[in-house]
């Protein structure tokens, strides 16, 4: 990853756009969606920008551009329509300490403009580090189709109710509340336009803890399959993102753990012989204790969990304690030849 994605705070800050033509107008339309002050630097403005200036929506400085014009800015866009002029202005902006984006010259950019899916305050940014903007737009189109138009309003409603939830619910309960809100009937009701009813459902759930059925502990044995991140199953990724604690085999690719929730606890289980190796019966007992605490547990194993005798013994222990358990099979690998113990587990 050459470019690190980050959202900049724009409220009360200034964005400078050098240029007065169509390229500059494109950047201006983008920044108008934020709460930043926009200052245009150009001898003349095209009709669209001139109209925005007349409405008081943007500032305009028509005098010759100097380095101080770029000082104390959140971001600078350089879009004069002339590659040579843009390169000269980039030097001026950099001398003023600005973060610079030069249109169509990624080698001169500190920041790259992503394709954006806007369901404010839900914003999805897609970048290809300047290599494939057409691909970024194709991905944007797919995400636009996935996210309902009212989703941002639901996120804003959740934001207004966060303080209420914090007063009544423990951290784990809050996670379960919002998982219930965004994955269940509240979201569906809100998407149909019943905002008030959705809000009442959330308030009632907070006050009465009526989503309590979501709080039961569980354990999932999740396999990595051949080991590549893009070969993880969708259900396996979902369990990683829901887990409170993840026990993982030493040989599991660290990149797969990046798919998990950032605040999930991670515990390495050294499958090889050594001073830190977990005895199988000890690990099974630990999983039982975690589930009894009401935690969602994932044991992430290399390959397919149902292909290992160890996985079967863990299931035996869990089921003997009357606990909810799940095996999430991995994508089969051609190198896996062991048979699955069909009597002990049911893949779901």
C-alpha atoms as a PDB file:
ATOM      1  CA  UNK A   1       0.000   0.000   0.000  1.00  0.00           C
ATOM      2  CA  UNK A   2       1.768   3.132  -1.232  1.00  0.00           C
ATOM      3  CA  UNK A   3      -1.046   5.542  -0.271  1.00  0.00           C
ATOM      4  CA  UNK A   4      -2.582   5.433   3.199  1.00  0.00           C
ATOM      5  CA  UNK A   5      -6.351   6.149   3.156  1.00  0.00           C
ATOM      6  CA  UNK A   6      -7.516   8.711   5.696  1.00  0.00           C
ATOM      7  CA  UNK A   7     -10.477  11.070   6.092  1.00  0.00           C
ATOM      8  CA  UNK A   8      -9.520  14.702   6.718  1.00  0.00           C
ATOM      9  CA  UNK A   9     -11.531  16.981   9.000  1.00  0.00           C
ATOM     10  CA  UNK A  10     -12.717  19.864   6.797  1.00  0.00           C
ATOM     11  CA  UNK A  11     -14.971  21.888   9.078  1.00  0.00           C
ATOM     12  CA  UNK A  12     -13.657  25.430   9.422  1.00  0.00           C
ATOM     13  CA  UNK A  13     -10.640  24.768   7.176  1.00  0.00           C
ATOM     14  CA  UNK A  14      -9.695  26.187   3.782  1.00  0.00           C
ATOM     15  CA  UNK A  15      -9.184  24.388   0.480  1.00  0.00           C
ATOM     16  CA  UNK A  16      -7.415  26.234  -2.328  1.00  0.00           C
ATOM     17  CA  UNK A  17      -8.086  25.391  -5.973  1.00  0.00           C
ATOM     18  CA  UNK A  18      -5.731  26.893  -8.540  1.00  0.00           C
ATOM     19  CA  UNK A  19      -7.543  27.168 -11.829  1.00  0.00           C
ATOM     20  CA  UNK A  20     -10.795  28.569 -13.192  1.00  0.00           C
ATOM     21  CA  UNK A  21     -11.898  26.113 -15.867  1.00  0.00           C
ATOM     22  CA  UNK A  22     -13.709  22.775 -16.020  1.00  0.00           C
ATOM     23  CA  UNK A  23     -11.008  20.801 -14.206  1.00  0.00           C
ATOM     24  CA  UNK A  24     -11.099  23.274 -11.332  1.00  0.00           C
ATOM     25  CA  UNK A  25     -14.903  23.187 -11.351  1.00  0.00           C
ATOM     26  CA  UNK A  26     -14.855  19.400 -10.949  1.00  0.00           C
ATOM     27  CA  UNK A  27     -12.738  19.698  -7.801  1.00  0.00           C
ATOM     28  CA  UNK A  28     -14.916  22.543  -6.542  1.00  0.00           C
ATOM     29  CA  UNK A  29     -18.086  20.427  -6.864  1.00  0.00           C
ATOM     30  CA  UNK A  30     -16.399  17.745  -4.790  1.00  0.00           C
ATOM     31  CA  UNK A  31     -15.276  20.052  -1.979  1.00  0.00           C
ATOM     32  CA  UNK A  32     -18.646  21.854  -1.884  1.00  0.00           C
ATOM     33  CA  UNK A  33     -19.994  18.662  -0.275  1.00  0.00           C
ATOM     34  CA  UNK A  34     -17.773  19.347   2.737  1.00  0.00           C
ATOM     35  CA  UNK A  35     -17.810  22.169   5.282  1.00  0.00           C
ATOM     36  CA  UNK A  36     -14.527  23.662   4.064  1.00  0.00           C
ATOM     37  CA  UNK A  37     -14.070  27.228   2.800  1.00  0.00           C
ATOM     38  CA  UNK A  38     -13.087  27.183  -0.883  1.00  0.00           C
ATOM     39  CA  UNK A  39     -10.734  29.762  -2.396  1.00  0.00           C
ATOM     40  CA  UNK A  40     -10.268  29.829  -6.160  1.00  0.00           C
ATOM     41  CA  UNK A  41      -7.024  31.209  -7.614  1.00  0.00           C
ATOM     42  CA  UNK A  42      -7.451  32.176 -11.272  1.00  0.00           C
ATOM     43  CA  UNK A  43      -7.443  35.294 -13.481  1.00  0.00           C
ATOM     44  CA  UNK A  44     -10.953  34.401 -14.730  1.00  0.00           C
ATOM     45  CA  UNK A  45     -13.646  31.901 -13.736  1.00  0.00           C
ATOM     46  CA  UNK A  46     -15.869  29.874 -16.027  1.00  0.00           C
ATOM     47  CA  UNK A  47     -19.620  30.630 -15.771  1.00  0.00           C
ATOM     48  CA  UNK A  48     -20.318  27.848 -13.245  1.00  0.00           C
ATOM     49  CA  UNK A  49     -17.606  29.023 -10.861  1.00  0.00           C
ATOM     50  CA  UNK A  50     -18.479  32.676 -11.402  1.00  0.00           C
ATOM     51  CA  UNK A  51     -22.057  31.903 -10.398  1.00  0.00           C
ATOM     52  CA  UNK A  52     -20.877  30.128  -7.235  1.00  0.00           C
ATOM     53  CA  UNK A  53     -18.772  33.172  -6.397  1.00  0.00           C
ATOM     54  CA  UNK A  54     -21.734  35.479  -6.961  1.00  0.00           C
ATOM     55  CA  UNK A  55     -23.765  33.339  -4.539  1.00  0.00           C
ATOM     56  CA  UNK A  56     -21.046  33.663  -1.897  1.00  0.00           C
ATOM     57  CA  UNK A  57     -20.295  29.942  -1.897  1.00  0.00           C
ATOM     58  CA  UNK A  58     -16.633  30.315  -2.876  1.00  0.00           C
ATOM     59  CA  UNK A  59     -13.896  32.959  -2.593  1.00  0.00           C
ATOM     60  CA  UNK A  60     -12.021  34.212  -5.654  1.00  0.00           C
ATOM     61  CA  UNK A  61      -8.570  35.777  -5.908  1.00  0.00           C
ATOM     62  CA  UNK A  62      -7.643  36.931  -9.413  1.00  0.00           C
ATOM     63  CA  UNK A  63      -4.220  38.422  -8.629  1.00  0.00           C
ATOM     64  CA  UNK A  64      -0.980  36.603  -9.585  1.00  0.00           C
ATOM     65  CA  UNK A  65      -0.454  33.475  -7.507  1.00  0.00           C
ATOM     66  CA  UNK A  66       2.318  33.421  -4.905  1.00  0.00           C
ATOM     67  CA  UNK A  67       3.453  30.864  -2.332  1.00  0.00           C
ATOM     68  CA  UNK A  68       1.579  32.504   0.609  1.00  0.00           C
ATOM     69  CA  UNK A  69      -1.708  31.839  -1.227  1.00  0.00           C
ATOM     70  CA  UNK A  70      -1.188  28.149  -0.405  1.00  0.00           C
ATOM     71  CA  UNK A  71      -0.288  28.565   3.267  1.00  0.00           C
ATOM     72  CA  UNK A  72      -2.499  27.331   6.133  1.00  0.00           C
ATOM     73  CA  UNK A  73      -4.664  25.112   3.941  1.00  0.00           C
ATOM     74  CA  UNK A  74      -6.165  21.684   4.513  1.00  0.00           C
ATOM     75  CA  UNK A  75      -5.631  20.741   0.881  1.00  0.00           C
ATOM     76  CA  UNK A  76      -4.593  22.286  -2.431  1.00  0.00           C
ATOM     77  CA  UNK A  77      -5.873  21.270  -5.868  1.00  0.00           C
ATOM     78  CA  UNK A  78      -3.960  22.471  -8.918  1.00  0.00           C
ATOM     79  CA  UNK A  79      -6.060  22.322 -12.065  1.00  0.00           C
ATOM     80  CA  UNK A  80      -5.264  25.104 -14.522  1.00  0.00           C
ATOM     81  CA  UNK A  81      -5.537  22.913 -17.629  1.00  0.00           C
ATOM     82  CA  UNK A  82      -1.848  23.447 -18.431  1.00  0.00           C
ATOM     83  CA  UNK A  83       0.541  20.708 -17.348  1.00  0.00           C
ATOM     84  CA  UNK A  84       3.495  23.090 -17.302  1.00  0.00           C
ATOM     85  CA  UNK A  85       1.649  25.710 -15.252  1.00  0.00           C
ATOM     86  CA  UNK A  86       0.392  23.024 -12.886  1.00  0.00           C
ATOM     87  CA  UNK A  87       3.927  21.757 -12.291  1.00  0.00           C
ATOM     88  CA  UNK A  88       5.169  25.288 -11.517  1.00  0.00           C
ATOM     89  CA  UNK A  89       2.304  25.933  -9.099  1.00  0.00           C
ATOM     90  CA  UNK A  90       2.971  22.599  -7.385  1.00  0.00           C
ATOM     91  CA  UNK A  91       6.467  23.829  -6.491  1.00  0.00           C
ATOM     92  CA  UNK A  92       4.997  27.023  -5.026  1.00  0.00           C
ATOM     93  CA  UNK A  93       2.389  25.105  -3.022  1.00  0.00           C
ATOM     94  CA  UNK A  94       4.955  22.668  -1.666  1.00  0.00           C
ATOM     95  CA  UNK A  95       7.184  25.545  -0.572  1.00  0.00           C
ATOM     96  CA  UNK A  96       4.240  26.782   1.533  1.00  0.00           C
ATOM     97  CA  UNK A  97       3.927  23.353   3.207  1.00  0.00           C
ATOM     98  CA  UNK A  98       0.651  22.425   1.511  1.00  0.00           C
ATOM     99  CA  UNK A  99      -0.729  18.952   0.801  1.00  0.00           C
ATOM    100  CA  UNK A 100      -1.146  19.009  -2.973  1.00  0.00           C
ATOM    101  CA  UNK A 101      -3.197  17.220  -5.606  1.00  0.00           C
ATOM    102  CA  UNK A 102      -2.252  17.989  -9.207  1.00  0.00           C
ATOM    103  CA  UNK A 103      -4.909  16.917 -11.694  1.00  0.00           C
ATOM    104  CA  UNK A 104      -3.821  14.081 -14.004  1.00  0.00           C
ATOM    105  CA  UNK A 105      -0.227  14.139 -12.710  1.00  0.00           C
ATOM    106  CA  UNK A 106      -0.126  11.544  -9.901  1.00  0.00           C
ATOM    107  CA  UNK A 107       3.678  11.735  -9.650  1.00  0.00           C
ATOM    108  CA  UNK A 108       3.253  15.319  -8.384  1.00  0.00           C
ATOM    109  CA  UNK A 109       0.531  14.464  -5.872  1.00  0.00           C
ATOM    110  CA  UNK A 110       0.763  14.154  -2.098  1.00  0.00           C
ATOM    111  CA  UNK A 111      -2.914  13.182  -2.018  1.00  0.00           C
ATOM    112  CA  UNK A 112      -4.964  11.292  -4.606  1.00  0.00           C
ATOM    113  CA  UNK A 113      -8.677  11.917  -5.151  1.00  0.00           C
ATOM    114  CA  UNK A 114     -10.674   8.693  -4.684  1.00  0.00           C
ATOM    115  CA  UNK A 115     -13.965   7.688  -6.227  1.00  0.00           C
ATOM    116  CA  UNK A 116     -16.553   8.410  -3.563  1.00  0.00           C
ATOM    117  CA  UNK A 117     -19.837   6.810  -2.557  1.00  0.00           C
ATOM    118  CA  UNK A 118     -21.609   9.462  -0.501  1.00  0.00           C
ATOM    119  CA  UNK A 119     -24.226   8.444   2.040  1.00  0.00           C
ATOM    120  CA  UNK A 120     -23.026  11.087   4.452  1.00  0.00           C
ATOM    121  CA  UNK A 121     -22.030  10.542   7.212  1.00  0.00           C
ATOM    122  CA  UNK A 122     -21.325   7.138   5.640  1.00  0.00           C
ATOM    123  CA  UNK A 123     -18.655   7.746   3.012  1.00  0.00           C
ATOM    124  CA  UNK A 124     -16.856   5.061   1.028  1.00  0.00           C
ATOM    125  CA  UNK A 125     -13.666   6.057  -0.784  1.00  0.00           C
ATOM    126  CA  UNK A 126     -12.170   3.827  -3.485  1.00  0.00           C
ATOM    127  CA  UNK A 127      -8.625   4.375  -4.671  1.00  0.00           C
ATOM    128  CA  UNK A 128      -6.229   2.633  -7.026  1.00  0.00           C
ATOM    129  CA  UNK A 129      -3.191   4.840  -6.271  1.00  0.00           C
ATOM    130  CA  UNK A 130      -3.742   6.564  -9.608  1.00  0.00           C
ATOM    131  CA  UNK A 131      -3.242   3.378 -11.634  1.00  0.00           C
ATOM    132  CA  UNK A 132      -6.794   2.516 -12.715  1.00  0.00           C
ATOM    133  CA  UNK A 133      -9.417   5.244 -12.223  1.00  0.00           C
ATOM    134  CA  UNK A 134     -11.867   3.441 -14.512  1.00  0.00           C
ATOM    135  CA  UNK A 135     -11.734   0.392 -12.235  1.00  0.00           C
ATOM    136  CA  UNK A 136     -12.334   2.627  -9.208  1.00  0.00           C
ATOM    137  CA  UNK A 137     -15.472   3.998 -10.876  1.00  0.00           C
ATOM    138  CA  UNK A 138     -16.703   0.473 -11.654  1.00  0.00           C
ATOM    139  CA  UNK A 139     -16.274  -0.496  -7.992  1.00  0.00           C
ATOM    140  CA  UNK A 140     -18.066   2.712  -6.991  1.00  0.00           C
ATOM    141  CA  UNK A 141     -21.040   1.738  -9.168  1.00  0.00           C
ATOM    142  CA  UNK A 142     -21.322  -1.657  -7.483  1.00  0.00           C
ATOM    143  CA  UNK A 143     -21.178  -0.152  -4.006  1.00  0.00           C
ATOM    144  CA  UNK A 144     -23.784   2.464  -4.967  1.00  0.00           C
ATOM    145  CA  UNK A 145     -26.112  -0.424  -5.818  1.00  0.00           C
ATOM    146  CA  UNK A 146     -25.397  -2.152  -2.476  1.00  0.00           C
ATOM    147  CA  UNK A 147     -26.080   0.793  -0.158  1.00  0.00           C
ATOM    148  CA  UNK A 148     -29.634   2.092   0.127  1.00  0.00           C
ATOM    149  CA  UNK A 149     -30.086   5.864  -0.375  1.00  0.00           C
ATOM    150  CA  UNK A 150     -31.304   6.425   3.212  1.00  0.00           C
ATOM    151  CA  UNK A 151     -28.408   4.620   4.888  1.00  0.00           C
ATOM    152  CA  UNK A 152     -26.629   7.839   5.835  1.00  0.00           C
ATOM    153  CA  UNK A 153     -29.722   9.084   7.647  1.00  0.00           C
ATOM    154  CA  UNK A 154     -29.836   5.853   9.670  1.00  0.00           C
ATOM    155  CA  UNK A 155     -26.151   6.233  10.572  1.00  0.00           C
ATOM    156  CA  UNK A 156     -26.810   9.836  11.650  1.00  0.00           C
ATOM    157  CA  UNK A 157     -29.728   8.638  13.814  1.00  0.00           C
ATOM    158  CA  UNK A 158     -27.440   6.053  15.445  1.00  0.00           C
ATOM    159  CA  UNK A 159     -24.916   8.808  16.108  1.00  0.00           C
ATOM    160  CA  UNK A 160     -27.542  10.888  17.907  1.00  0.00           C
ATOM    161  CA  UNK A 161     -28.473   7.906  20.076  1.00  0.00           C
ATOM    162  CA  UNK A 162     -24.933   6.814  20.964  1.00  0.00           C
ATOM    163  CA  UNK A 163     -24.883   8.821  24.192  1.00  0.00           C
ATOM    164  CA  UNK A 164     -28.194   7.268  25.264  1.00  0.00           C
ATOM    165  CA  UNK A 165     -26.830   3.804  24.536  1.00  0.00           C
ATOM    166  CA  UNK A 166     -23.634   4.554  26.477  1.00  0.00           C
ATOM    167  CA  UNK A 167     -25.700   5.500  29.544  1.00  0.00           C
ATOM    168  CA  UNK A 168     -27.728   2.281  29.575  1.00  0.00           C
ATOM    169  CA  UNK A 169     -25.552  -0.419  28.009  1.00  0.00           C
ATOM    170  CA  UNK A 170     -22.172  -2.029  28.589  1.00  0.00           C
ATOM    171  CA  UNK A 171     -19.638  -1.979  25.712  1.00  0.00           C
ATOM    172  CA  UNK A 172     -20.474  -5.518  24.586  1.00  0.00           C
ATOM    173  CA  UNK A 173     -24.191  -4.724  24.722  1.00  0.00           C
ATOM    174  CA  UNK A 174     -23.641  -1.618  22.616  1.00  0.00           C
ATOM    175  CA  UNK A 175     -21.886  -3.632  19.927  1.00  0.00           C
ATOM    176  CA  UNK A 176     -24.788  -6.051  19.873  1.00  0.00           C
ATOM    177  CA  UNK A 177     -27.298  -3.221  19.726  1.00  0.00           C
ATOM    178  CA  UNK A 178     -25.719  -1.625  16.660  1.00  0.00           C
ATOM    179  CA  UNK A 179     -25.214  -4.990  14.982  1.00  0.00           C
ATOM    180  CA  UNK A 180     -28.952  -5.599  15.488  1.00  0.00           C
ATOM    181  CA  UNK A 181     -29.803  -2.116  14.195  1.00  0.00           C
ATOM    182  CA  UNK A 182     -27.802  -2.340  10.992  1.00  0.00           C
ATOM    183  CA  UNK A 183     -28.450  -5.999  10.168  1.00  0.00           C
ATOM    184  CA  UNK A 184     -32.100  -6.442  11.082  1.00  0.00           C
ATOM    185  CA  UNK A 185     -35.627  -5.043  10.905  1.00  0.00           C
ATOM    186  CA  UNK A 186     -34.643  -1.518  11.980  1.00  0.00           C
ATOM    187  CA  UNK A 187     -32.561  -0.985   8.853  1.00  0.00           C
ATOM    188  CA  UNK A 188     -35.242  -2.503   6.634  1.00  0.00           C
ATOM    189  CA  UNK A 189     -37.931  -0.313   8.167  1.00  0.00           C
ATOM    190  CA  UNK A 190     -35.803   2.814   7.838  1.00  0.00           C
ATOM    191  CA  UNK A 191     -34.973   2.006   4.209  1.00  0.00           C
ATOM    192  CA  UNK A 192     -38.730   1.944   3.449  1.00  0.00           C
ATOM    193  CA  UNK A 193     -39.053   5.484   4.770  1.00  0.00           C
ATOM    194  CA  UNK A 194     -40.361   4.735   8.277  1.00  0.00           C
ATOM    195  CA  UNK A 195     -37.694   6.815  10.033  1.00  0.00           C
ATOM    196  CA  UNK A 196     -39.781   7.619  13.104  1.00  0.00           C
ATOM    197  CA  UNK A 197     -40.745   3.974  13.675  1.00  0.00           C
ATOM    198  CA  UNK A 198     -37.108   2.918  13.271  1.00  0.00           C
ATOM    199  CA  UNK A 199     -36.022   5.500  15.836  1.00  0.00           C
ATOM    200  CA  UNK A 200     -38.608   4.267  18.327  1.00  0.00           C
ATOM    201  CA  UNK A 201     -37.426   0.683  17.839  1.00  0.00           C
ATOM    202  CA  UNK A 202     -33.843   1.690  18.658  1.00  0.00           C
ATOM    203  CA  UNK A 203     -34.861   3.712  21.718  1.00  0.00           C
ATOM    204  CA  UNK A 204     -36.997   0.849  23.019  1.00  0.00           C
ATOM    205  CA  UNK A 205     -34.154  -1.635  22.460  1.00  0.00           C
ATOM    206  CA  UNK A 206     -31.764   0.600  24.427  1.00  0.00           C
ATOM    207  CA  UNK A 207     -34.155   1.145  27.324  1.00  0.00           C
ATOM    208  CA  UNK A 208     -35.386  -2.452  27.561  1.00  0.00           C
ATOM    209  CA  UNK A 209     -32.334  -4.345  26.247  1.00  0.00           C
ATOM    210  CA  UNK A 210     -34.769  -6.091  23.962  1.00  0.00           C
ATOM    211  CA  UNK A 211     -32.005  -7.349  21.696  1.00  0.00           C
ATOM    212  CA  UNK A 212     -30.777  -9.605  24.541  1.00  0.00           C
ATOM    213  CA  UNK A 213     -31.096 -12.751  22.457  1.00  0.00           C
ATOM    214  CA  UNK A 214     -28.066 -11.480  20.559  1.00  0.00           C
ATOM    215  CA  UNK A 215     -25.888 -11.641  23.684  1.00  0.00           C
ATOM    216  CA  UNK A 216     -25.394 -15.401  24.005  1.00  0.00           C
ATOM    217  CA  UNK A 217     -21.800 -16.559  23.740  1.00  0.00           C
ATOM    218  CA  UNK A 218     -20.792 -18.774  20.836  1.00  0.00           C
ATOM    219  CA  UNK A 219     -17.760 -20.411  19.327  1.00  0.00           C
ATOM    220  CA  UNK A 220     -16.940 -20.890  15.673  1.00  0.00           C
ATOM    221  CA  UNK A 221     -14.164 -23.069  14.281  1.00  0.00           C
ATOM    222  CA  UNK A 222     -13.165 -21.183  11.139  1.00  0.00           C
ATOM    223  CA  UNK A 223     -10.825 -22.585   8.538  1.00  0.00           C
ATOM    224  CA  UNK A 224      -8.453 -20.590   6.358  1.00  0.00           C
ATOM    225  CA  UNK A 225      -8.469 -23.118   3.521  1.00  0.00           C
ATOM    226  CA  UNK A 226      -5.424 -22.899   1.268  1.00  0.00           C
ATOM    227  CA  UNK A 227      -4.342 -19.835   3.253  1.00  0.00           C
ATOM    228  CA  UNK A 228      -4.885 -16.969   0.805  1.00  0.00           C
ATOM    229  CA  UNK A 229      -6.941 -14.044   2.075  1.00  0.00           C
ATOM    230  CA  UNK A 230      -9.133 -13.943  -1.036  1.00  0.00           C
ATOM    231  CA  UNK A 231     -10.029 -17.626  -0.551  1.00  0.00           C
ATOM    232  CA  UNK A 232     -11.639 -17.082   2.858  1.00  0.00           C
ATOM    233  CA  UNK A 233     -15.358 -17.811   2.829  1.00  0.00           C
ATOM    234  CA  UNK A 234     -17.816 -14.977   3.353  1.00  0.00           C
ATOM    235  CA  UNK A 235     -19.125 -16.624   6.515  1.00  0.00           C
ATOM    236  CA  UNK A 236     -15.613 -17.022   7.864  1.00  0.00           C
ATOM    237  CA  UNK A 237     -14.971 -13.305   7.376  1.00  0.00           C
ATOM    238  CA  UNK A 238     -18.287 -12.476   9.059  1.00  0.00           C
ATOM    239  CA  UNK A 239     -17.359 -14.542  12.112  1.00  0.00           C
ATOM    240  CA  UNK A 240     -13.977 -12.822  12.354  1.00  0.00           C
ATOM    241  CA  UNK A 241     -15.665  -9.428  12.262  1.00  0.00           C
ATOM    242  CA  UNK A 242     -18.152 -10.436  14.975  1.00  0.00           C
ATOM    243  CA  UNK A 243     -15.641 -12.102  17.314  1.00  0.00           C
ATOM    244  CA  UNK A 244     -14.710 -10.755  20.735  1.00  0.00           C
ATOM    245  CA  UNK A 245     -11.671 -13.034  20.935  1.00  0.00           C
ATOM    246  CA  UNK A 246      -9.792 -14.998  18.267  1.00  0.00           C
ATOM    247  CA  UNK A 247      -7.554 -17.990  18.980  1.00  0.00           C
ATOM    248  CA  UNK A 248      -5.400 -18.635  15.923  1.00  0.00           C
ATOM    249  CA  UNK A 249      -2.938 -21.291  14.878  1.00  0.00           C
ATOM    250  CA  UNK A 250       0.673 -20.150  14.574  1.00  0.00           C
ATOM    251  CA  UNK A 251       0.811 -20.864  10.833  1.00  0.00           C
ATOM    252  CA  UNK A 252      -2.223 -18.728   9.946  1.00  0.00           C
ATOM    253  CA  UNK A 253      -1.329 -15.866   7.598  1.00  0.00           C
ATOM    254  CA  UNK A 254      -1.246 -12.612   9.583  1.00  0.00           C
ATOM    255  CA  UNK A 255      -3.115 -10.910   6.734  1.00  0.00           C
ATOM    256  CA  UNK A 256      -6.199 -13.006   7.481  1.00  0.00           C
ATOM    257  CA  UNK A 257      -6.260 -11.601  11.020  1.00  0.00           C
ATOM    258  CA  UNK A 258      -6.500  -8.128   9.481  1.00  0.00           C
ATOM    259  CA  UNK A 259     -10.012  -9.085   8.376  1.00  0.00           C
ATOM    260  CA  UNK A 260     -11.121  -9.195  12.025  1.00  0.00           C
ATOM    261  CA  UNK A 261     -12.547  -6.355  14.078  1.00  0.00           C
ATOM    262  CA  UNK A 262      -9.656  -4.157  15.210  1.00  0.00           C
ATOM    263  CA  UNK A 263     -10.562  -4.329  18.907  1.00  0.00           C
ATOM    264  CA  UNK A 264     -11.001  -8.115  18.986  1.00  0.00           C
ATOM    265  CA  UNK A 265      -8.607  -9.878  21.362  1.00  0.00           C
ATOM    266  CA  UNK A 266      -6.095 -12.123  19.572  1.00  0.00           C
ATOM    267  CA  UNK A 267      -4.391 -15.139  21.164  1.00  0.00           C
ATOM    268  CA  UNK A 268      -1.770 -17.189  19.323  1.00  0.00           C
ATOM    269  CA  UNK A 269      -2.091 -20.955  19.685  1.00  0.00           C
ATOM    270  CA  UNK A 270       1.268 -22.508  18.884  1.00  0.00           C
ATOM    271  CA  UNK A 271       0.298 -25.669  17.089  1.00  0.00           C
ATOM    272  CA  UNK A 272       3.906 -26.816  16.952  1.00  0.00           C
ATOM    273  CA  UNK A 273       5.644 -28.536  19.858  1.00  0.00           C
ATOM    274  CA  UNK A 274       7.252 -26.029  22.178  1.00  0.00           C
ATOM    275  CA  UNK A 275       7.075 -24.333  25.561  1.00  0.00           C
ATOM    276  CA  UNK A 276       4.062 -22.191  24.556  1.00  0.00           C
ATOM    277  CA  UNK A 277       2.024 -24.899  22.869  1.00  0.00           C
ATOM    278  CA  UNK A 278      -1.598 -25.247  23.997  1.00  0.00           C
ATOM    279  CA  UNK A 279      -2.627 -28.732  24.995  1.00  0.00           C
ATOM    280  CA  UNK A 280      -5.773 -29.615  23.054  1.00  0.00           C
ATOM    281  CA  UNK A 281      -7.828 -30.310  26.162  1.00  0.00           C
ATOM    282  CA  UNK A 282      -6.608 -27.036  27.696  1.00  0.00           C
ATOM    283  CA  UNK A 283      -7.676 -25.043  24.630  1.00  0.00           C
ATOM    284  CA  UNK A 284     -11.082 -26.694  24.552  1.00  0.00           C
ATOM    285  CA  UNK A 285     -11.561 -25.789  28.213  1.00  0.00           C
ATOM    286  CA  UNK A 286     -10.561 -22.203  27.511  1.00  0.00           C
ATOM    287  CA  UNK A 287     -13.098 -21.989  24.689  1.00  0.00           C
ATOM    288  CA  UNK A 288     -15.804 -23.296  27.024  1.00  0.00           C
ATOM    289  CA  UNK A 289     -14.896 -20.657  29.625  1.00  0.00           C
ATOM    290  CA  UNK A 290     -14.960 -17.861  27.040  1.00  0.00           C
ATOM    291  CA  UNK A 291     -18.395 -18.864  25.742  1.00  0.00           C
ATOM    292  CA  UNK A 292     -19.738 -19.077  29.291  1.00  0.00           C
ATOM    293  CA  UNK A 293     -18.623 -15.463  29.743  1.00  0.00           C
ATOM    294  CA  UNK A 294     -20.957 -14.517  26.897  1.00  0.00           C
ATOM    295  CA  UNK A 295     -18.152 -13.883  24.421  1.00  0.00           C
ATOM    296  CA  UNK A 296     -18.188 -14.680  20.730  1.00  0.00           C
ATOM    297  CA  UNK A 297     -15.127 -16.814  20.098  1.00  0.00           C
ATOM    298  CA  UNK A 298     -13.416 -17.839  16.891  1.00  0.00           C
ATOM    299  CA  UNK A 299     -10.764 -20.525  16.704  1.00  0.00           C
ATOM    300  CA  UNK A 300      -9.033 -19.794  13.400  1.00  0.00           C
ATOM    301  CA  UNK A 301      -7.286 -22.889  12.106  1.00  0.00           C
ATOM    302  CA  UNK A 302      -5.086 -23.535   9.126  1.00  0.00           C
ATOM    303  CA  UNK A 303      -6.901 -25.432   6.391  1.00  0.00           C
ATOM    304  CA  UNK A 304     -10.334 -26.881   7.111  1.00  0.00           C
ATOM    305  CA  UNK A 305     -11.291 -27.314  10.805  1.00  0.00           C
ATOM    306  CA  UNK A 306     -13.407 -30.385  10.104  1.00  0.00           C
ATOM    307  CA  UNK A 307     -10.391 -32.107   8.544  1.00  0.00           C
ATOM    308  CA  UNK A 308      -8.458 -32.219  11.783  1.00  0.00           C
ATOM    309  CA  UNK A 309      -8.934 -34.628  14.652  1.00  0.00           C
ATOM    310  CA  UNK A 310      -8.167 -31.718  16.964  1.00  0.00           C
ATOM    311  CA  UNK A 311     -11.234 -29.870  15.672  1.00  0.00           C
ATOM    312  CA  UNK A 312     -13.369 -32.911  16.422  1.00  0.00           C
ATOM    313  CA  UNK A 313     -12.148 -33.126  20.012  1.00  0.00           C
ATOM    314  CA  UNK A 314     -12.880 -29.446  20.546  1.00  0.00           C
ATOM    315  CA  UNK A 315     -16.389 -29.997  19.247  1.00  0.00           C
ATOM    316  CA  UNK A 316     -16.819 -32.994  21.540  1.00  0.00           C
ATOM    317  CA  UNK A 317     -15.865 -30.893  24.562  1.00  0.00           C
ATOM    318  CA  UNK A 318     -18.060 -27.969  23.541  1.00  0.00           C
ATOM    319  CA  UNK A 319     -21.090 -30.102  22.830  1.00  0.00           C
ATOM    320  CA  UNK A 320     -20.570 -32.080  26.040  1.00  0.00           C
ATOM    321  CA  UNK A 321     -20.953 -28.763  27.860  1.00  0.00           C
ATOM    322  CA  UNK A 322     -24.161 -27.994  25.986  1.00  0.00           C
ATOM    323  CA  UNK A 323     -22.661 -24.997  24.186  1.00  0.00           C
ATOM    324  CA  UNK A 324     -23.557 -23.474  20.853  1.00  0.00           C
ATOM    325  CA  UNK A 325     -20.854 -24.286  18.324  1.00  0.00           C
ATOM    326  CA  UNK A 326     -20.370 -23.916  14.608  1.00  0.00           C
ATOM    327  CA  UNK A 327     -17.922 -25.242  12.050  1.00  0.00           C
ATOM    328  CA  UNK A 328     -17.269 -22.884   9.164  1.00  0.00           C
ATOM    329  CA  UNK A 329     -15.689 -25.007   6.421  1.00  0.00           C
ATOM    330  CA  UNK A 330     -12.920 -23.589   4.296  1.00  0.00           C
ATOM    331  CA  UNK A 331     -12.564 -23.702   0.549  1.00  0.00           C
ATOM    332  CA  UNK A 332     -11.108 -27.104  -0.243  1.00  0.00           C
ATOM    333  CA  UNK A 333      -7.444 -27.345  -1.155  1.00  0.00           C
ATOM    334  CA  UNK A 334      -6.129 -29.914  -3.601  1.00  0.00           C
ATOM    335  CA  UNK A 335      -3.441 -30.767  -1.039  1.00  0.00           C
ATOM    336  CA  UNK A 336      -6.000 -31.761   1.611  1.00  0.00           C
ATOM    337  CA  UNK A 337      -6.499 -35.493   1.606  1.00  0.00           C
ATOM    338  CA  UNK A 338      -7.777 -36.201   5.107  1.00  0.00           C
ATOM    339  CA  UNK A 339     -11.408 -37.193   5.476  1.00  0.00           C
ATOM    340  CA  UNK A 340     -13.790 -35.074   7.494  1.00  0.00           C
ATOM    341  CA  UNK A 341     -15.332 -36.655  10.642  1.00  0.00           C
ATOM    342  CA  UNK A 342     -18.960 -36.472   9.533  1.00  0.00           C
ATOM    343  CA  UNK A 343     -20.491 -37.805  12.775  1.00  0.00           C
ATOM    344  CA  UNK A 344     -19.359 -35.019  15.069  1.00  0.00           C
ATOM    345  CA  UNK A 345     -20.026 -31.805  13.230  1.00  0.00           C
ATOM    346  CA  UNK A 346     -22.523 -30.277  10.903  1.00  0.00           C
ATOM    347  CA  UNK A 347     -21.122 -27.628   8.575  1.00  0.00           C
ATOM    348  CA  UNK A 348     -23.319 -24.517   8.570  1.00  0.00           C
END
